Amino acid sequence: MPPAPTPAERRGIIRDALAVGIATGAYGISFGAVSVTSGLDVWQTCALSLLVFTGASQFAMVGVIGAGGAPLSGAATALLLGTRNTLYGLRVAPMIGLHGWRRHAAAHLVIDESTAMTLPRTTQATARLGFLSTGLSVFVLWNLSTLLGAVAGEAMGDPRTYGLDAAVGGAFLALLWPRLTDALHRLTAVLGAAVALTLVPVAAAGVPVLAAGLVALGLGLRARAGRHLPPEPEELP
């Protein structure tokens, strides 16, 4: 049985989880408003937050649909962005130690925020508490704020009147900026943006984002392969 967190540890983790949930959940208002003004109704918008529950993928899908792209193209873009959660799950699962139906249910809570609150923990008990408290607080508040934003967006009408047509781009920039911490990440962002901007005038909506995602995937695989190359043999005198 792993040692239980101390009362002070528990209070600190839950306090931080609620703070993350409030900050991230408030952001769902923007998604709800953008979604309904992009063509989805309130219930479709709420279903996306309830069933997909990954902000970047949701913004990507409604962004493609709002730009006139096919729903299938929007779903493909969302799926590409959501693959990162699979990698998060591989790292988080052994740390929190859930099994059976609990493990399957917890998979729905694997997002950027719950992962970030899990990885720094040094015991299974604190990792599990960080993961569950963060995941649940974000899930509840994200879905409530999505509903509020969707109802408000439906009442507001044309998003261009309030500048909401720029919210998708702003959302992606907000998600990307904190990750530009080294040369590889910055190079990936610049090349991805260049490819997307080049394709915007000639490609269907959604394709530029997919192409930029493939650029990021290719650079990531190349960097990973480079880290695993065997050292070159020393030259003989």
Protein backbone atom coordinates (compact mmCIF):
# COMPACT_ATOMS: atom_id res chain seq x y z
CA MET A 1 0.00 0.00 0.00
CA PRO A 2 1.61 3.30 -1.06
CA PRO A 3 1.94 5.89 1.72
CA ALA A 4 -0.92 8.37 1.85
CA PRO A 5 -0.12 12.05 1.32
CA THR A 6 0.09 14.17 4.42
CA PRO A 7 -2.82 16.55 5.12
CA ALA A 8 -0.63 19.48 4.06
CA GLU A 9 0.30 17.75 0.78
CA ARG A 10 -3.32 16.88 0.11
CA ARG A 11 -4.50 20.45 0.70
CA GLY A 12 -1.76 21.87 -1.50
CA ILE A 13 -2.44 19.50 -4.39
CA ILE A 14 -6.20 20.04 -4.27
CA ARG A 15 -5.76 23.82 -4.02
CA ASP A 16 -3.50 23.83 -7.08
CA ALA A 17 -5.86 21.50 -8.96
CA LEU A 18 -8.83 23.80 -8.33
CA ALA A 19 -6.81 26.82 -9.45
CA VAL A 20 -5.91 25.05 -12.70
CA GLY A 21 -9.53 23.98 -13.16
CA ILE A 22 -10.84 27.52 -12.71
CA ALA A 23 -8.27 29.01 -15.11
CA THR A 24 -8.76 26.36 -17.77
CA GLY A 25 -12.51 26.09 -17.29
CA ALA A 26 -13.00 29.81 -17.85
CA TYR A 27 -11.37 29.34 -21.23
CA GLY A 28 -14.23 27.02 -22.20
CA ILE A 29 -16.52 30.05 -22.47
CA SER A 30 -14.53 31.12 -25.53
CA PHE A 31 -14.83 27.66 -27.05
CA GLY A 32 -18.58 27.53 -26.53
CA ALA A 33 -19.11 30.93 -28.14
CA VAL A 34 -16.82 30.21 -31.09
CA SER A 35 -18.38 26.80 -31.68
CA VAL A 36 -21.98 27.97 -32.03
CA THR A 37 -20.97 30.91 -34.19
CA SER A 38 -19.06 28.48 -36.43
CA GLY A 39 -22.22 26.51 -37.20
CA LEU A 40 -22.70 23.99 -34.39
CA ASP A 41 -25.71 24.21 -32.11
CA VAL A 42 -25.58 24.35 -28.32
CA TRP A 43 -26.02 20.61 -27.81
CA GLN A 44 -23.41 19.67 -30.40
CA THR A 45 -21.00 22.09 -28.76
CA CYS A 46 -21.64 20.62 -25.32
CA ALA A 47 -21.26 17.07 -26.69
CA LEU A 48 -17.82 17.96 -28.04
CA SER A 49 -16.65 19.16 -24.64
CA LEU A 50 -18.20 16.18 -22.88
CA LEU A 51 -16.96 13.44 -25.23
CA VAL A 52 -13.79 14.85 -26.79
CA PHE A 53 -12.55 16.93 -23.85
CA THR A 54 -9.30 18.24 -25.24
CA GLY A 55 -9.32 21.96 -25.88
CA ALA A 56 -6.87 22.23 -28.78
CA SER A 57 -8.65 19.50 -30.74
CA GLN A 58 -12.04 21.08 -30.11
CA PHE A 59 -10.87 24.51 -31.27
CA ALA A 60 -9.28 22.92 -34.34
CA MET A 61 -12.48 21.15 -35.34
CA VAL A 62 -14.77 24.16 -35.00
CA GLY A 63 -12.15 26.36 -36.66
CA VAL A 64 -12.14 24.14 -39.76
CA ILE A 65 -15.94 23.97 -39.86
CA GLY A 66 -16.24 27.72 -39.33
CA ALA A 67 -13.87 28.32 -42.25
CA GLY A 68 -16.09 26.25 -44.54
CA GLY A 69 -14.20 22.96 -44.32
CA ALA A 70 -15.85 19.55 -44.28
CA PRO A 71 -16.63 18.06 -40.84
CA LEU A 72 -14.44 15.06 -41.74
CA SER A 73 -11.49 17.36 -42.33
CA GLY A 74 -12.15 19.05 -39.01
CA ALA A 75 -12.31 15.67 -37.25
CA ALA A 76 -9.03 14.57 -38.85
CA THR A 77 -7.33 17.76 -37.68
CA ALA A 78 -8.70 17.28 -34.17
CA LEU A 79 -7.55 13.65 -34.11
CA LEU A 80 -4.04 14.59 -35.17
CA LEU A 81 -3.76 17.15 -32.38
CA GLY A 82 -5.25 14.72 -29.85
CA THR A 83 -2.63 12.02 -30.43
CA ARG A 84 -0.35 13.73 -27.90
CA ASN A 85 -2.72 12.57 -25.15
CA THR A 86 -1.85 8.97 -26.03
CA LEU A 87 1.80 9.71 -25.28
CA TYR A 88 0.80 11.42 -22.04
CA GLY A 89 -1.16 8.34 -21.04
CA LEU A 90 1.82 6.04 -21.53
CA ARG A 91 3.78 8.13 -19.05
CA VAL A 92 0.99 8.80 -16.55
CA ALA A 93 -0.60 5.32 -16.32
CA PRO A 94 2.19 3.59 -14.36
CA MET A 95 2.49 6.57 -12.02
CA ILE A 96 -1.13 6.57 -10.86
CA GLY A 97 -1.53 2.77 -10.77
CA LEU A 98 -5.21 2.43 -11.70
CA HIS A 99 -6.51 -0.83 -13.17
CA GLY A 100 -9.62 -2.26 -14.82
CA TRP A 101 -12.58 0.05 -15.41
CA ARG A 102 -10.97 2.79 -13.31
CA ARG A 103 -8.05 2.93 -15.72
CA HIS A 104 -10.39 3.18 -18.73
CA ALA A 105 -12.42 5.94 -17.06
CA ALA A 106 -9.28 7.85 -16.06
CA ALA A 107 -8.07 7.82 -19.69
CA HIS A 108 -10.71 10.45 -20.47
CA LEU A 109 -9.00 12.83 -18.04
CA VAL A 110 -5.56 12.62 -19.68
CA ILE A 111 -4.98 16.20 -20.82
CA ASP A 112 -2.14 18.72 -20.66
CA GLU A 113 -3.12 20.02 -17.23
CA SER A 114 -3.66 16.69 -15.46
CA THR A 115 -0.40 15.38 -16.89
CA ALA A 116 1.51 18.45 -15.72
CA MET A 117 0.08 18.01 -12.21
CA THR A 118 1.06 14.31 -12.15
CA LEU A 119 4.62 14.16 -13.46
CA PRO A 120 6.36 16.12 -10.66
CA ARG A 121 4.99 13.82 -7.92
CA THR A 122 7.33 11.48 -6.08
CA THR A 123 4.80 8.93 -4.76
CA GLN A 124 1.94 7.05 -6.37
CA ALA A 125 -0.58 8.46 -3.89
CA THR A 126 0.30 12.10 -4.62
CA ALA A 127 0.50 11.41 -8.38
CA ARG A 128 -2.96 9.86 -8.33
CA LEU A 129 -4.40 12.71 -6.27
CA GLY A 130 -2.84 15.32 -8.56
CA PHE A 131 -4.12 13.58 -11.66
CA LEU A 132 -7.67 12.95 -10.49
CA SER A 133 -8.24 16.27 -8.72
CA THR A 134 -6.93 18.26 -11.68
CA GLY A 135 -8.65 16.16 -14.34
CA LEU A 136 -12.02 16.26 -12.58
CA SER A 137 -11.90 19.97 -11.77
CA VAL A 138 -11.02 20.88 -15.35
CA PHE A 139 -13.64 18.47 -16.73
CA VAL A 140 -16.49 19.88 -14.63
CA LEU A 141 -15.62 23.55 -15.09
CA TRP A 142 -14.76 23.19 -18.80
CA ASN A 143 -18.14 21.65 -19.54
CA LEU A 144 -20.07 24.19 -17.46
CA SER A 145 -18.30 27.11 -19.12
CA THR A 146 -18.79 25.55 -22.55
CA LEU A 147 -22.54 25.59 -21.95
CA LEU A 148 -22.42 29.22 -20.80
CA GLY A 149 -20.34 30.26 -23.79
CA ALA A 150 -22.55 28.37 -26.23
CA VAL A 151 -25.73 29.98 -24.93
CA ALA A 152 -24.08 33.42 -24.98
CA GLY A 153 -22.61 32.87 -28.45
CA GLU A 154 -25.97 31.84 -29.85
CA ALA A 155 -27.46 35.08 -28.55
CA MET A 156 -24.61 37.28 -29.85
CA GLY A 157 -24.85 36.36 -33.52
CA ASP A 158 -22.04 37.19 -35.96
CA PRO A 159 -18.69 36.55 -34.17
CA ARG A 160 -16.87 39.14 -36.28
CA THR A 161 -18.81 41.86 -34.52
CA TYR A 162 -17.02 41.01 -31.27
CA GLY A 163 -13.71 39.76 -32.67
CA LEU A 164 -14.50 36.12 -31.82
CA ASP A 165 -13.49 35.03 -35.32
CA ALA A 166 -9.88 35.50 -34.16
CA ALA A 167 -10.34 33.43 -31.00
CA VAL A 168 -9.25 30.13 -32.58
CA GLY A 169 -5.93 31.55 -33.70
CA GLY A 170 -5.45 33.22 -30.34
CA ALA A 171 -6.23 29.97 -28.55
CA PHE A 172 -3.60 28.07 -30.50
CA LEU A 173 -1.03 30.80 -29.89
CA ALA A 174 -1.77 30.68 -26.14
CA LEU A 175 -1.28 26.89 -26.14
CA LEU A 176 1.89 27.06 -28.23
CA TRP A 177 3.78 29.96 -26.69
CA PRO A 178 4.74 28.36 -23.34
CA ARG A 179 6.21 25.36 -25.21
CA LEU A 180 8.72 27.34 -27.28
CA THR A 181 11.45 26.60 -24.78
CA ASP A 182 14.28 25.40 -27.06
CA ALA A 183 15.60 25.71 -30.60
CA LEU A 184 13.81 22.60 -31.89
CA HIS A 185 10.42 23.77 -30.68
CA ARG A 186 10.93 27.23 -32.15
CA LEU A 187 12.09 25.77 -35.50
CA THR A 188 9.05 23.46 -35.55
CA ALA A 189 6.69 26.37 -34.90
CA VAL A 190 8.25 28.54 -37.62
CA LEU A 191 8.29 25.78 -40.27
CA GLY A 192 4.77 24.64 -39.40
CA ALA A 193 3.46 28.20 -39.66
CA ALA A 194 5.27 28.71 -42.97
CA VAL A 195 3.77 25.54 -44.47
CA ALA A 196 0.27 26.42 -43.22
CA LEU A 197 0.41 29.99 -44.53
CA THR A 198 1.68 28.78 -47.91
CA LEU A 199 -1.21 26.33 -48.26
CA VAL A 200 -4.01 28.62 -47.04
CA PRO A 201 -4.64 30.26 -50.46
CA VAL A 202 -4.63 26.97 -52.41
CA ALA A 203 -5.85 24.22 -50.08
CA ALA A 204 -9.21 23.37 -48.53
CA ALA A 205 -9.90 24.47 -44.96
CA GLY A 206 -8.25 22.14 -42.49
CA VAL A 207 -5.52 20.91 -44.83
CA PRO A 208 -2.99 23.62 -43.83
CA VAL A 209 -3.31 22.63 -40.17
CA LEU A 210 -2.88 18.95 -41.01
CA ALA A 211 0.19 19.74 -43.09
CA ALA A 212 1.70 21.81 -40.29
CA GLY A 213 1.04 18.93 -37.90
CA LEU A 214 2.87 16.53 -40.20
CA VAL A 215 5.84 18.91 -40.26
CA ALA A 216 5.93 18.83 -36.45
CA LEU A 217 5.61 15.04 -36.44
CA GLY A 218 8.45 14.65 -38.95
CA LEU A 219 10.80 16.93 -37.01
CA GLY A 220 9.94 15.18 -33.76
CA LEU A 221 10.69 11.73 -35.20
CA ARG A 222 13.94 12.99 -36.70
CA ALA A 223 15.04 14.47 -33.37
CA ARG A 224 14.12 11.27 -31.55
CA ALA A 225 16.07 9.16 -34.03
CA GLY A 226 19.07 11.46 -33.65
CA ARG A 227 19.09 10.99 -29.88
CA HIS A 228 19.28 7.21 -30.31
CA LEU A 229 22.04 7.07 -32.92
CA PRO A 230 25.06 5.04 -31.75
CA PRO A 231 28.23 7.06 -31.20
CA GLU A 232 30.64 7.21 -34.12
CA PRO A 233 33.70 4.98 -33.69
CA GLU A 234 36.92 6.71 -32.81
CA GLU A 235 39.51 6.89 -35.54
CA LEU A 236 42.53 4.67 -35.09
CA PRO A 237 45.88 6.47 -34.81
